[in-house]
Amino acid sequence: MQQLSPTSLPLESNPLNGLIRVHEINAQRGFGDHSDDNQGDNTKPSGARKLSEQLRSYYSRHLDPGDSPDISDLEALRAIEAAQSAFDTRLCSSFESAIREVEGLGYPGRNDPRIKVASRLAATDGMNHEAAVLFELDSIQGAPGAPPLHLPETANGLGYQNLISMIFRLMAFRDEWLRKTRAASAEVIDRVEPIHLVLIEEPEAHLHVQVQQVFVRHAYQVLCRDALLERYPNLKTQLLVSTHSSHVTHEVEYQNLRYFRRLPAGMYGIGVPVSTVSNLSNVFGDGTKTKEFVTRYLRAQHADIFFADAVILVEGSAERMMLPHFLRNKFPFLDRCYITTLDIGGSHAHRLRPLIDALGILTLVITDLDAGFNKAAKPVQRNAAQITNNPTLRSWMKLMHLGNTVDELLELPANQKEHQIDDLYSVRIAYQTPISTHLPATGEAIQALPNTFEDSFVLSNAGHFAEKTNGTGLMKTFVKVLNEAQTSEAVGEGFFNELREGKKAEFVLLVLGDKNFPNLEIPEYISEGLNWLESKLRSKQKELLVIPPEGAEVTP
């Protein structure tokens, strides 16, 4: 509760009156067939009007020639007057016998006024019917004098109706704010509020992707397209759009985005569910290369990250192509969740960290160990003073106050690969770990040290790949290395050399085409990461976090 001084005086009216004009387009815009109107007492949403009704309202307010006509309207008004006179003559002759019958009852008497039937035709009456808005189609080619073909309003696509309706309503909002009507004989700029706030809820309804993008690019221009706004720069319009569409988000600059993060009851000691708002305009700072990269990357890919339950950043195309199959075959719960997979590469994944922090979204980073010396790649070896050449690993390990030598990474416990920021937001790193398997050539048990996803996947299924006889490219060379290597070092050296030259995409396609693919083992480092992500998403579904009593001990 805000504390007021004893001398504070109550406001007699809304202090925002005269300062801000608010208009709204809600999500329920009521398009559809006429039959929808009779489905129940409350089926038609509040504020829902058909396109013809909205255009008629705009016409009557801003275009009606009967309201303060000018010279260009005289011909139309003269035609309406002639039609009304002819119609009145017909009405009088039609009602003559009925009026005489009434007069036979003694009314009207000698001193009573006589009954006269007259019509009133207005310019707006021409749009007061269901076919006021038609969509014209091309006539049949080759048929002389063929009449044009039309579709009624309700027989056309809901997307067209939605788009046209929203544009006309924006124009009407602008003209209403600026007090522009046919009746206005002079500017009333002194009565115009300096701030015009327009709210649009989910404009993407019924619109396909391209139209969504076009609309959000041009909607604000419609609101600002008036000569008065150029002459009076102190009049400002602000457009606020709420959306669940990644395509709408795709078209908006970062400085104009606001992200709502929902928090359950009990978070930060607050007893009710709340939302925090992240201002993305200051996530990356001004003019940074990271901001430019992330903006270009998300525009080239997609903006699904803003609507996901979690995000998985993967090293390359091989992981991106196979991960959906891993989820479908082994992790059905994750397959039902809204998870965005971004192929970002090990050298760039860390650049997304400021955005991920701002969104507070669960993140699993699946990347490569990339062992070597001074940026020179080498097969993974223990006790060889190797370091990781992966910028993502180096960046995140540094943030978690951990080392980045290969020996430290290979021995790092699973619980230290997670960086938890709060109860709902954590980042987990997953990279290649030692794999226990058997050499097909000798049957000897070894502990192999993979360096990338491809060799880790093959080593996790060494028995299956050793029996392959019909592979090509990388598949063929992997099989050869497996069947000829005598030591774990030879396996690592052979895979390392082949991966530098081989075509990884071709290898992935051959694996996906394998009829036994659903039964193959997922590399352990990926499986651990996906299990972690599933446990976090399951706990995130809770609407209430337990708030322990004051002074109670909490067991982690």
Protein backbone atom coordinates (compact mmCIF):
# COMPACT_ATOMS: atom_id res chain seq x y z
CA MET A 1 0.00 0.00 0.00
CA GLN A 2 1.37 3.39 -0.97
CA GLN A 3 1.79 5.71 1.99
CA LEU A 4 0.26 9.16 1.47
CA SER A 5 0.96 12.25 3.45
CA PRO A 6 -1.84 13.64 5.66
CA THR A 7 -2.10 16.69 3.41
CA SER A 8 -2.73 14.70 0.21
CA LEU A 9 -5.96 15.54 -1.57
CA PRO A 10 -8.13 12.95 -3.35
CA LEU A 11 -8.39 13.09 -7.13
CA GLU A 12 -11.79 14.11 -8.38
CA SER A 13 -11.34 12.47 -11.81
CA ASN A 14 -9.01 10.21 -13.75
CA PRO A 15 -5.73 12.16 -14.11
CA LEU A 16 -4.99 10.38 -17.42
CA ASN A 17 -8.07 11.82 -19.12
CA GLY A 18 -6.89 14.17 -21.82
CA LEU A 19 -3.39 12.72 -21.75
CA ILE A 20 -3.74 9.18 -23.12
CA ARG A 21 -6.25 7.75 -25.61
CA VAL A 22 -6.48 3.95 -25.54
CA HIS A 23 -7.88 1.71 -28.26
CA GLU A 24 -7.93 -2.08 -28.25
CA ILE A 25 -8.34 -4.95 -30.71
CA ASN A 26 -8.91 -8.12 -28.71
CA ALA A 27 -8.21 -11.68 -29.85
CA GLN A 28 -11.88 -12.66 -30.21
CA ARG A 29 -12.78 -10.91 -33.45
CA GLY A 30 -15.88 -12.99 -34.22
CA PHE A 31 -15.33 -13.96 -37.85
CA GLY A 32 -17.16 -16.93 -39.33
CA ASP A 33 -20.44 -18.03 -40.88
CA HIS A 34 -23.83 -16.63 -39.87
CA SER A 35 -24.78 -20.01 -38.47
CA ASP A 36 -22.24 -19.46 -35.70
CA ASP A 37 -24.35 -16.64 -34.28
CA ASN A 38 -27.16 -18.95 -33.18
CA GLN A 39 -25.18 -21.60 -31.31
CA GLY A 40 -26.05 -20.26 -27.89
CA ASP A 41 -26.73 -17.17 -25.83
CA ASN A 42 -23.07 -16.37 -25.21
CA THR A 43 -21.32 -17.67 -28.32
CA LYS A 44 -20.71 -14.28 -29.87
CA PRO A 45 -17.78 -12.68 -28.03
CA SER A 46 -17.93 -9.20 -26.66
CA GLY A 47 -16.93 -6.62 -29.23
CA ALA A 48 -17.10 -9.10 -32.13
CA ARG A 49 -18.52 -7.59 -35.31
CA LYS A 50 -18.52 -8.80 -38.87
CA LEU A 51 -16.31 -7.08 -41.39
CA SER A 52 -19.29 -5.42 -43.13
CA GLU A 53 -20.44 -3.92 -39.82
CA GLN A 54 -16.98 -2.55 -39.09
CA LEU A 55 -16.64 -1.00 -42.55
CA ARG A 56 -20.14 0.45 -42.26
CA SER A 57 -19.22 2.02 -38.92
CA TYR A 58 -16.06 3.54 -40.41
CA TYR A 59 -18.04 4.84 -43.41
CA SER A 60 -20.75 6.45 -41.30
CA ARG A 61 -18.23 8.19 -39.08
CA HIS A 62 -15.60 9.31 -41.56
CA LEU A 63 -16.97 9.04 -45.12
CA ASP A 64 -20.76 9.64 -44.99
CA PRO A 65 -21.63 12.35 -47.61
CA GLY A 66 -24.79 13.24 -45.67
CA ASP A 67 -22.66 14.54 -42.82
CA SER A 68 -21.30 18.00 -43.79
CA PRO A 69 -21.29 17.35 -47.57
CA ASP A 70 -19.04 19.16 -50.00
CA ILE A 71 -19.47 19.88 -53.71
CA SER A 72 -18.26 16.42 -54.76
CA ASP A 73 -21.10 14.83 -52.71
CA LEU A 74 -23.98 16.79 -54.32
CA GLU A 75 -24.52 14.41 -57.23
CA ALA A 76 -24.78 11.40 -54.94
CA LEU A 77 -27.13 13.22 -52.57
CA ARG A 78 -29.32 14.36 -55.49
CA ALA A 79 -29.64 10.74 -56.66
CA ILE A 80 -30.60 9.63 -53.14
CA GLU A 81 -33.25 12.39 -52.96
CA ALA A 82 -34.75 11.37 -56.33
CA ALA A 83 -34.88 7.73 -55.24
CA GLN A 84 -36.54 8.70 -51.97
CA SER A 85 -39.18 10.84 -53.77
CA ALA A 86 -40.05 7.98 -56.15
CA PHE A 87 -40.20 5.53 -53.29
CA ASP A 88 -42.46 7.82 -51.24
CA THR A 89 -44.91 8.08 -54.16
CA ARG A 90 -45.03 4.30 -54.36
CA LEU A 91 -45.47 4.00 -50.57
CA CYS A 92 -48.42 6.45 -50.58
CA SER A 93 -50.25 4.55 -53.34
CA SER A 94 -49.59 1.22 -51.62
CA PHE A 95 -50.90 2.39 -48.24
CA GLU A 96 -53.85 4.39 -49.63
CA SER A 97 -56.48 1.65 -49.23
CA ALA A 98 -55.24 0.74 -45.74
CA ILE A 99 -55.37 4.40 -44.64
CA ARG A 100 -58.90 4.80 -45.99
CA GLU A 101 -59.97 1.75 -43.98
CA VAL A 102 -58.54 3.34 -40.82
CA GLU A 103 -60.35 6.59 -41.63
CA GLY A 104 -63.58 4.62 -41.82
CA LEU A 105 -63.28 4.06 -38.07
CA GLY A 106 -63.59 7.78 -37.42
CA TYR A 107 -59.93 8.61 -37.07
CA PRO A 108 -58.47 10.91 -38.00
CA GLY A 109 -61.34 13.29 -37.48
CA ARG A 110 -61.87 16.72 -38.92
CA ASN A 111 -59.52 18.33 -36.40
CA ASP A 112 -56.92 15.50 -36.31
CA PRO A 113 -53.74 15.44 -38.45
CA ARG A 114 -53.83 13.11 -41.43
CA ILE A 115 -51.63 10.03 -41.73
CA LYS A 116 -48.71 10.32 -44.15
CA VAL A 117 -46.20 7.49 -44.89
CA ALA A 118 -42.70 8.60 -45.85
CA SER A 119 -39.32 6.91 -46.22
CA ARG A 120 -35.86 8.03 -45.26
CA LEU A 121 -32.93 6.92 -47.37
CA ALA A 122 -29.44 7.64 -46.07
CA ALA A 123 -26.10 7.07 -47.74
CA THR A 124 -25.17 4.53 -45.08
CA ASP A 125 -28.27 2.41 -45.87
CA GLY A 126 -26.47 1.12 -48.93
CA MET A 127 -24.06 -0.78 -46.67
CA ASN A 128 -26.67 -1.96 -44.18
CA HIS A 129 -26.91 -5.55 -45.43
CA GLU A 130 -24.92 -8.77 -45.27
CA ALA A 131 -23.54 -8.46 -48.83
CA ALA A 132 -22.10 -4.99 -48.24
CA VAL A 133 -18.58 -6.44 -48.50
CA LEU A 134 -17.86 -8.70 -51.47
CA PHE A 135 -14.61 -10.20 -52.74
CA GLU A 136 -14.40 -10.00 -56.53
CA LEU A 137 -13.03 -12.91 -58.56
CA ASP A 138 -11.82 -13.00 -62.15
CA SER A 139 -14.57 -13.53 -64.74
CA ILE A 140 -14.58 -16.54 -67.05
CA GLN A 141 -12.10 -15.86 -69.82
CA GLY A 142 -13.46 -15.85 -73.36
CA ALA A 143 -17.11 -15.24 -72.42
CA PRO A 144 -18.17 -11.82 -73.78
CA GLY A 145 -20.24 -9.83 -71.35
CA ALA A 146 -19.76 -12.36 -68.57
CA PRO A 147 -20.71 -10.80 -65.22
CA PRO A 148 -18.02 -10.51 -62.54
CA LEU A 149 -17.99 -13.23 -59.89
CA HIS A 150 -18.19 -12.33 -56.21
CA LEU A 151 -17.79 -14.13 -52.93
CA PRO A 152 -19.83 -12.92 -49.95
CA GLU A 153 -18.00 -11.82 -46.83
CA THR A 154 -18.64 -15.02 -44.89
CA ALA A 155 -17.55 -17.29 -47.76
CA ASN A 156 -14.01 -15.91 -47.91
CA GLY A 157 -11.02 -16.91 -45.81
CA LEU A 158 -10.95 -15.84 -42.18
CA GLY A 159 -7.38 -14.60 -42.65
CA TYR A 160 -8.44 -12.04 -45.28
CA GLN A 161 -11.33 -10.88 -43.10
CA ASN A 162 -9.06 -10.62 -40.07
CA LEU A 163 -6.39 -8.65 -41.91
CA ILE A 164 -8.78 -6.18 -43.57
CA SER A 165 -10.72 -5.75 -40.35
CA MET A 166 -7.64 -4.95 -38.29
CA ILE A 167 -6.34 -2.44 -40.85
CA PHE A 168 -9.70 -0.62 -41.00
CA ARG A 169 -9.94 -0.56 -37.23
CA LEU A 170 -6.44 0.90 -36.96
CA MET A 171 -7.44 3.61 -39.45
CA ALA A 172 -10.61 4.27 -37.46
CA PHE A 173 -8.62 4.46 -34.20
CA ARG A 174 -6.24 6.98 -35.76
CA ASP A 175 -9.03 9.18 -37.13
CA GLU A 176 -11.02 8.99 -33.90
CA TRP A 177 -7.97 9.98 -31.86
CA LEU A 178 -7.32 12.95 -34.16
CA ARG A 179 -11.04 13.90 -34.05
CA LYS A 180 -11.31 13.61 -37.83
CA THR A 181 -14.92 13.31 -39.02
CA ARG A 182 -16.88 14.73 -41.94
CA ALA A 183 -18.65 17.00 -39.47
CA ALA A 184 -15.44 18.56 -38.22
CA SER A 185 -15.20 21.90 -40.00
CA ALA A 186 -11.85 22.81 -38.48
CA GLU A 187 -8.96 21.16 -36.72
CA VAL A 188 -9.54 20.39 -33.06
CA ILE A 189 -5.92 19.68 -32.30
CA ASP A 190 -6.19 21.28 -28.86
CA ARG A 191 -8.55 18.46 -27.80
CA VAL A 192 -6.32 15.61 -29.05
CA GLU A 193 -4.54 13.58 -26.37
CA PRO A 194 -0.74 13.73 -26.83
CA ILE A 195 -0.37 9.94 -26.41
CA HIS A 196 -2.28 7.36 -28.42
CA LEU A 197 -1.94 3.79 -27.11
CA VAL A 198 -3.20 0.95 -29.34
CA LEU A 199 -3.36 -2.59 -27.95
CA ILE A 200 -3.63 -5.61 -30.29
CA GLU A 201 -4.09 -9.06 -28.83
CA GLU A 202 -2.75 -11.97 -30.91
CA PRO A 203 -3.03 -10.52 -34.43
CA GLU A 204 -1.83 -13.84 -35.88
CA ALA A 205 -5.29 -15.47 -35.62
CA HIS A 206 -6.16 -17.08 -38.99
CA LEU A 207 -3.20 -15.41 -40.74
CA HIS A 208 -0.59 -17.47 -42.55
CA VAL A 209 3.08 -16.80 -41.91
CA GLN A 210 3.83 -14.19 -44.57
CA VAL A 211 0.74 -12.12 -43.72
CA GLN A 212 1.64 -12.16 -40.02
CA GLN A 213 5.05 -10.73 -40.85
CA VAL A 214 3.68 -8.14 -43.26
CA PHE A 215 1.02 -7.00 -40.79
CA VAL A 216 3.37 -6.44 -37.86
CA ARG A 217 5.75 -4.54 -40.15
CA HIS A 218 3.07 -2.15 -41.45
CA ALA A 219 0.52 -1.82 -38.62
CA TYR A 220 2.41 0.99 -36.90
CA GLN A 221 2.85 2.82 -40.21
CA VAL A 222 -0.94 2.81 -40.67
CA LEU A 223 -1.39 4.45 -37.27
CA CYS A 224 1.14 7.16 -38.12
CA ARG A 225 0.05 7.88 -41.72
CA ASP A 226 -1.59 11.29 -41.32
CA ALA A 227 -0.52 14.83 -42.22
CA LEU A 228 -1.49 16.11 -38.77
CA LEU A 229 1.11 13.89 -37.14
CA GLU A 230 3.80 15.36 -39.37
CA ARG A 231 2.78 18.90 -38.50
CA TYR A 232 2.46 18.20 -34.76
CA PRO A 233 5.41 15.94 -33.77
CA ASN A 234 4.41 16.09 -30.09
CA LEU A 235 1.51 13.71 -30.88
CA LYS A 236 2.83 10.18 -30.44
CA THR A 237 1.35 6.75 -31.10
CA GLN A 238 2.51 3.58 -29.36
CA LEU A 239 1.51 0.12 -30.57
CA LEU A 240 1.54 -2.75 -28.06
CA VAL A 241 1.11 -6.26 -29.53
CA SER A 242 0.78 -9.43 -27.46
CA THR A 243 1.53 -12.57 -29.43
CA HIS A 244 2.24 -16.30 -29.29
CA SER A 245 3.62 -16.31 -32.83
CA SER A 246 7.35 -16.72 -33.45
CA HIS A 247 6.76 -15.24 -36.92
CA VAL A 248 5.49 -11.97 -35.46
CA THR A 249 8.42 -11.91 -33.03
CA HIS A 250 10.76 -12.60 -35.94
CA GLU A 251 9.92 -9.23 -37.50
CA VAL A 252 10.46 -7.10 -34.39
CA GLU A 253 13.78 -5.61 -33.33
CA TYR A 254 15.19 -6.71 -29.96
CA GLN A 255 14.86 -3.25 -28.44
CA ASN A 256 11.08 -3.48 -28.98
CA LEU A 257 10.58 -6.91 -27.38
CA ARG A 258 9.33 -7.54 -23.85
CA TYR A 259 9.33 -11.13 -22.58
CA PHE A 260 6.93 -12.29 -19.85
CA ARG A 261 8.34 -15.07 -17.67
CA ARG A 262 5.76 -16.80 -15.51
CA LEU A 263 6.75 -17.74 -11.96
CA PRO A 264 4.75 -20.18 -9.80
CA ALA A 265 3.44 -19.38 -6.36
CA GLY A 266 6.21 -19.64 -3.79
CA MET A 267 8.96 -18.32 -6.06
CA TYR A 268 11.10 -15.74 -4.24
CA GLY A 269 8.71 -16.03 -1.29
CA ILE A 270 5.73 -14.60 -3.21
CA GLY A 271 2.54 -16.47 -2.34
CA VAL A 272 0.76 -16.14 -5.72
CA PRO A 273 1.78 -16.84 -9.34
CA VAL A 274 3.32 -13.76 -10.94
CA SER A 275 5.15 -12.82 -14.13
CA THR A 276 8.36 -10.90 -14.53
CA VAL A 277 9.00 -8.78 -17.62
CA SER A 278 12.39 -8.87 -19.33
CA ASN A 279 13.35 -5.82 -21.35
CA LEU A 280 15.39 -7.25 -24.23
CA SER A 281 16.60 -3.83 -25.39
CA ASN A 282 19.56 -3.92 -23.01
CA VAL A 283 20.43 -7.63 -23.10
CA PHE A 284 23.53 -7.31 -25.29
CA GLY A 285 24.43 -3.66 -24.79
CA ASP A 286 24.79 -1.18 -27.64
CA GLY A 287 26.36 -2.12 -30.95
CA THR A 288 28.09 -5.32 -29.84
CA LYS A 289 29.16 -8.03 -32.27
CA THR A 290 27.35 -10.58 -30.10
CA LYS A 291 24.07 -8.69 -30.53
CA GLU A 292 24.55 -8.52 -34.29
CA PHE A 293 25.35 -12.23 -34.49
CA VAL A 294 22.41 -13.36 -32.34
CA THR A 295 19.98 -11.09 -34.20
CA ARG A 296 21.10 -12.34 -37.61
CA TYR A 297 21.16 -15.95 -36.45
CA LEU A 298 17.66 -15.98 -34.95
CA ARG A 299 16.29 -14.12 -37.98
CA ALA A 300 17.88 -16.70 -40.29
CA GLN A 301 16.61 -19.61 -38.18
CA HIS A 302 13.52 -18.93 -36.07
CA ALA A 303 12.35 -17.14 -32.95
CA ASP A 304 10.78 -20.20 -31.28
CA ILE A 305 13.08 -19.72 -28.31
CA PHE A 306 10.71 -17.03 -26.97
CA PHE A 307 7.84 -19.54 -26.68
CA ALA A 308 9.65 -22.73 -25.63
CA ASP A 309 9.66 -24.58 -22.31
CA ALA A 310 13.34 -25.32 -22.82
CA VAL A 311 16.06 -24.87 -25.41
CA ILE A 312 18.70 -27.35 -26.57
CA LEU A 313 21.79 -25.87 -28.21
CA VAL A 314 23.59 -28.46 -30.35
CA GLU A 315 27.01 -28.50 -31.92
CA GLY A 316 26.13 -29.23 -35.53
CA SER A 317 23.72 -30.58 -38.11
CA ALA A 318 24.25 -34.23 -37.12
CA GLU A 319 22.94 -33.68 -33.58
CA ARG A 320 20.11 -31.46 -34.84
CA MET A 321 18.94 -34.12 -37.32
CA MET A 322 19.08 -37.01 -34.87
CA LEU A 323 17.90 -35.35 -31.66
CA PRO A 324 14.16 -35.37 -32.58
CA HIS A 325 14.40 -39.12 -33.16
CA PHE A 326 16.12 -39.61 -29.81
CA LEU A 327 13.26 -37.78 -28.09
CA ARG A 328 10.59 -39.69 -29.99
CA ASN A 329 12.10 -43.12 -29.34
CA LYS A 330 13.56 -42.79 -25.83
CA PHE A 331 12.11 -39.67 -24.17
CA PRO A 332 8.35 -39.48 -24.85
CA PHE A 333 7.81 -36.88 -22.12
CA LEU A 334 10.31 -34.49 -23.71
CA ASP A 335 8.79 -35.18 -27.10
CA ARG A 336 5.50 -33.74 -25.78
CA CYS A 337 7.15 -30.61 -24.40
CA TYR A 338 7.77 -27.40 -26.29
CA ILE A 339 11.51 -27.62 -26.85
CA THR A 340 13.46 -25.51 -29.33
CA THR A 341 16.60 -27.04 -30.84
CA LEU A 342 19.15 -24.58 -32.19
CA ASP A 343 22.13 -25.66 -34.28
CA ILE A 344 24.53 -23.00 -33.06
CA GLY A 345 27.99 -24.61 -33.23
CA GLY A 346 30.53 -24.91 -30.45
CA SER A 347 32.22 -21.66 -31.38
CA HIS A 348 29.07 -19.53 -31.02
CA ALA A 349 26.72 -21.13 -28.44
CA HIS A 350 28.09 -18.99 -25.62
CA ARG A 351 26.96 -15.85 -27.47
CA LEU A 352 23.35 -16.76 -26.72
CA ARG A 353 24.01 -16.73 -22.98
CA PRO A 354 22.88 -13.10 -22.37
CA LEU A 355 19.58 -13.79 -24.14
CA ILE A 356 19.06 -17.08 -22.29
CA ASP A 357 19.74 -15.33 -18.98
CA ALA A 358 17.18 -12.64 -19.82
CA LEU A 359 14.53 -15.23 -20.70
CA GLY A 360 15.32 -17.49 -17.75
CA ILE A 361 14.71 -20.55 -19.90
CA LEU A 362 15.99 -24.07 -19.14
CA THR A 363 18.95 -24.78 -21.41
CA LEU A 364 20.85 -27.91 -22.35
CA VAL A 365 24.05 -27.34 -24.33
CA ILE A 366 25.19 -30.41 -26.27
CA THR A 367 28.66 -29.68 -27.56
CA ASP A 368 31.98 -31.36 -28.44
CA LEU A 369 35.05 -31.88 -26.29
CA ASP A 370 37.39 -30.63 -29.06
CA ALA A 371 40.63 -31.64 -27.35
CA GLY A 372 43.96 -30.24 -28.51
CA PHE A 373 46.96 -28.00 -27.90
CA ASN A 374 46.88 -24.25 -28.59
CA LYS A 375 43.91 -24.50 -30.99
CA ALA A 376 45.45 -27.50 -32.79
CA ALA A 377 42.95 -30.38 -32.72
CA LYS A 378 44.20 -33.76 -31.45
CA PRO A 379 42.69 -37.15 -30.54
CA VAL A 380 41.60 -37.18 -26.87
CA GLN A 381 44.30 -38.43 -24.48
CA ARG A 382 44.60 -38.52 -20.73
CA ASN A 383 47.55 -37.00 -18.87
CA ALA A 384 48.70 -35.16 -22.00
CA ALA A 385 48.11 -31.58 -20.81
CA GLN A 386 45.38 -31.16 -23.39
CA ILE A 387 42.81 -28.36 -23.20
CA THR A 388 39.44 -27.92 -24.87
CA ASN A 389 39.39 -25.73 -27.96
CA ASN A 390 35.62 -25.31 -27.67
CA PRO A 391 34.75 -21.66 -26.82
CA THR A 392 31.41 -22.74 -25.35
CA LEU A 393 33.02 -25.13 -22.88
CA ARG A 394 35.71 -22.64 -21.95
CA SER A 395 33.16 -19.85 -21.46
CA TRP A 396 30.70 -21.86 -19.37
CA MET A 397 33.38 -23.65 -17.34
CA LYS A 398 34.91 -20.29 -16.49
CA LEU A 399 31.49 -18.99 -15.44
CA MET A 400 31.12 -22.03 -13.18
CA HIS A 401 34.64 -21.48 -11.77
CA LEU A 402 35.89 -24.77 -13.21
CA GLY A 403 38.98 -25.63 -15.23
CA ASN A 404 39.03 -26.34 -18.94
CA THR A 405 41.73 -28.99 -19.25
CA VAL A 406 40.66 -32.25 -20.85
CA ASP A 407 41.66 -34.28 -17.76
CA GLU A 408 39.44 -32.09 -15.55
CA LEU A 409 36.52 -32.29 -17.99
CA LEU A 410 36.73 -36.08 -18.29
CA GLU A 411 36.60 -36.51 -14.51
CA LEU A 412 34.01 -33.82 -13.82
CA PRO A 413 30.97 -35.23 -11.91
CA ALA A 414 27.56 -34.85 -13.53
CA ASN A 415 26.25 -32.51 -10.80
CA GLN A 416 29.04 -30.01 -11.53
CA LYS A 417 28.03 -29.67 -15.18
CA GLU A 418 24.95 -27.70 -14.16
CA HIS A 419 24.81 -24.00 -13.41
CA GLN A 420 21.61 -23.29 -11.47
CA ILE A 421 20.48 -19.67 -11.33
CA ASP A 422 17.10 -20.13 -9.59
CA ASP A 423 14.48 -22.83 -9.01
CA LEU A 424 13.29 -22.69 -12.62
CA TYR A 425 16.35 -21.66 -14.60
CA SER A 426 19.46 -23.79 -15.02
CA VAL A 427 22.03 -24.40 -17.73
CA ARG A 428 23.53 -27.87 -18.23
CA ILE A 429 26.60 -28.68 -20.34
CA ALA A 430 26.87 -32.06 -22.06
CA TYR A 431 30.05 -33.16 -23.85
CA GLN A 432 31.72 -36.46 -24.73
CA THR A 433 32.68 -38.71 -21.84
CA PRO A 434 34.63 -42.03 -21.75
CA ILE A 435 32.77 -45.02 -23.21
CA SER A 436 33.35 -48.59 -22.06
CA THR A 437 33.13 -51.03 -24.97
CA HIS A 438 34.84 -54.02 -26.61
CA LEU A 439 37.16 -54.03 -29.60
CA PRO A 440 35.58 -56.19 -32.33
CA ALA A 441 39.03 -57.27 -33.56
CA THR A 442 40.31 -58.62 -30.20
CA GLY A 443 37.26 -58.72 -27.92
CA GLU A 444 39.26 -56.72 -25.39
CA ALA A 445 37.37 -54.37 -23.06
CA ILE A 446 38.52 -50.77 -23.50
CA GLN A 447 37.61 -47.28 -22.37
CA ALA A 448 37.37 -45.19 -25.54
CA LEU A 449 37.68 -41.40 -25.50
CA PRO A 450 35.46 -39.85 -28.20
CA ASN A 451 35.95 -36.29 -29.39
CA THR A 452 32.75 -35.60 -31.38
CA PHE A 453 29.16 -36.76 -31.60
CA GLU A 454 29.77 -39.08 -34.56
CA ASP A 455 32.54 -41.19 -32.99
CA SER A 456 30.70 -41.19 -29.66
CA PHE A 457 27.57 -42.57 -31.35
CA VAL A 458 29.54 -45.28 -33.20
CA LEU A 459 31.45 -46.32 -30.05
CA SER A 460 28.19 -46.49 -28.08
CA ASN A 461 26.97 -49.03 -30.67
CA ALA A 462 30.29 -50.65 -31.61
CA GLY A 463 28.83 -54.14 -31.99
CA HIS A 464 26.15 -52.95 -34.41
CA PHE A 465 28.46 -50.89 -36.62
CA ALA A 466 31.21 -53.54 -36.71
CA GLU A 467 28.80 -55.83 -38.59
CA LYS A 468 27.96 -53.26 -41.27
CA THR A 469 28.94 -54.39 -44.76
CA ASN A 470 27.06 -52.04 -47.06
CA GLY A 471 28.14 -48.59 -45.84
CA THR A 472 29.74 -45.81 -47.85
CA GLY A 473 31.79 -42.73 -46.98
CA LEU A 474 32.23 -42.17 -43.23
CA MET A 475 30.13 -45.22 -42.43
CA LYS A 476 32.50 -47.46 -44.37
CA THR A 477 35.66 -45.97 -42.83
CA PHE A 478 34.22 -46.14 -39.30
CA VAL A 479 33.49 -49.85 -39.77
CA LYS A 480 37.01 -50.38 -41.07
CA VAL A 481 38.60 -48.61 -38.08
CA LEU A 482 36.47 -50.59 -35.62
CA ASN A 483 37.35 -53.94 -37.14
CA GLU A 484 41.08 -53.27 -37.52
CA ALA A 485 42.03 -51.30 -34.37
CA GLN A 486 43.96 -53.23 -31.72
CA THR A 487 43.94 -50.56 -28.97
CA SER A 488 41.73 -47.75 -27.72
CA GLU A 489 44.37 -45.25 -28.90
CA ALA A 490 44.18 -46.69 -32.41
CA VAL A 491 40.38 -46.30 -32.38
CA GLY A 492 40.64 -42.68 -31.31
CA GLU A 493 43.36 -41.90 -33.85
CA GLY A 494 41.48 -43.61 -36.69
CA PHE A 495 38.17 -41.89 -35.97
CA PHE A 496 39.90 -38.52 -35.56
CA ASN A 497 41.59 -38.74 -38.96
CA GLU A 498 38.45 -39.90 -40.78
CA LEU A 499 36.21 -37.23 -39.24
CA ARG A 500 38.50 -34.49 -40.52
CA GLU A 501 37.86 -35.57 -44.10
CA GLY A 502 34.48 -37.35 -44.05
CA LYS A 503 31.00 -36.06 -44.86
CA LYS A 504 29.07 -36.05 -41.60
CA ALA A 505 25.66 -35.32 -43.13
CA GLU A 506 25.90 -38.39 -45.36
CA PHE A 507 26.76 -40.52 -42.32
CA VAL A 508 23.69 -39.24 -40.42
CA LEU A 509 21.38 -40.00 -43.34
CA LEU A 510 22.69 -43.56 -43.53
CA VAL A 511 22.15 -44.01 -39.78
CA LEU A 512 18.60 -42.63 -39.95
CA GLY A 513 17.86 -45.05 -42.80
CA ASP A 514 18.97 -48.03 -40.71
CA LYS A 515 15.97 -50.20 -39.81
CA ASN A 516 17.52 -50.86 -36.37
CA PHE A 517 18.00 -47.15 -35.61
CA PRO A 518 15.24 -47.01 -32.92
CA ASN A 519 17.09 -49.70 -30.95
CA LEU A 520 20.52 -48.05 -31.04
CA GLU A 521 21.96 -46.57 -27.86
CA ILE A 522 22.10 -42.82 -27.37
CA PRO A 523 25.60 -41.61 -26.38
CA GLU A 524 25.74 -41.47 -22.61
CA TYR A 525 26.60 -37.78 -22.39
CA ILE A 526 23.48 -36.89 -24.41
CA SER A 527 21.32 -39.34 -22.47
CA GLU A 528 22.48 -37.81 -19.18
CA GLY A 529 21.67 -34.33 -20.44
CA LEU A 530 18.19 -35.31 -21.64
CA ASN A 531 17.43 -37.05 -18.33
CA TRP A 532 18.45 -33.88 -16.52
CA LEU A 533 16.23 -31.78 -18.79
CA GLU A 534 13.25 -34.11 -18.23
CA SER A 535 13.60 -33.92 -14.44
CA LYS A 536 13.76 -30.12 -14.58
CA LEU A 537 10.72 -29.83 -16.85
CA ARG A 538 8.69 -32.18 -14.65
CA SER A 539 9.38 -30.05 -11.59
CA LYS A 540 8.68 -26.89 -13.59
CA GLN A 541 5.09 -28.08 -14.17
CA LYS A 542 4.26 -27.52 -10.51
CA GLU A 543 2.07 -24.48 -9.95
CA LEU A 544 3.12 -24.15 -6.31
CA LEU A 545 6.61 -24.27 -4.87
CA VAL A 546 6.69 -25.37 -1.24
CA ILE A 547 7.44 -22.48 1.10
CA PRO A 548 9.07 -23.91 4.25
CA PRO A 549 8.03 -22.50 7.62
CA GLU A 550 10.24 -19.76 8.98
CA GLY A 551 13.24 -21.28 10.76
CA ALA A 552 12.70 -24.78 9.31
CA GLU A 553 15.66 -26.73 7.94
CA VAL A 554 15.58 -27.44 4.21
CA THR A 555 17.10 -30.68 2.91
CA PRO A 556 18.53 -30.23 -0.61
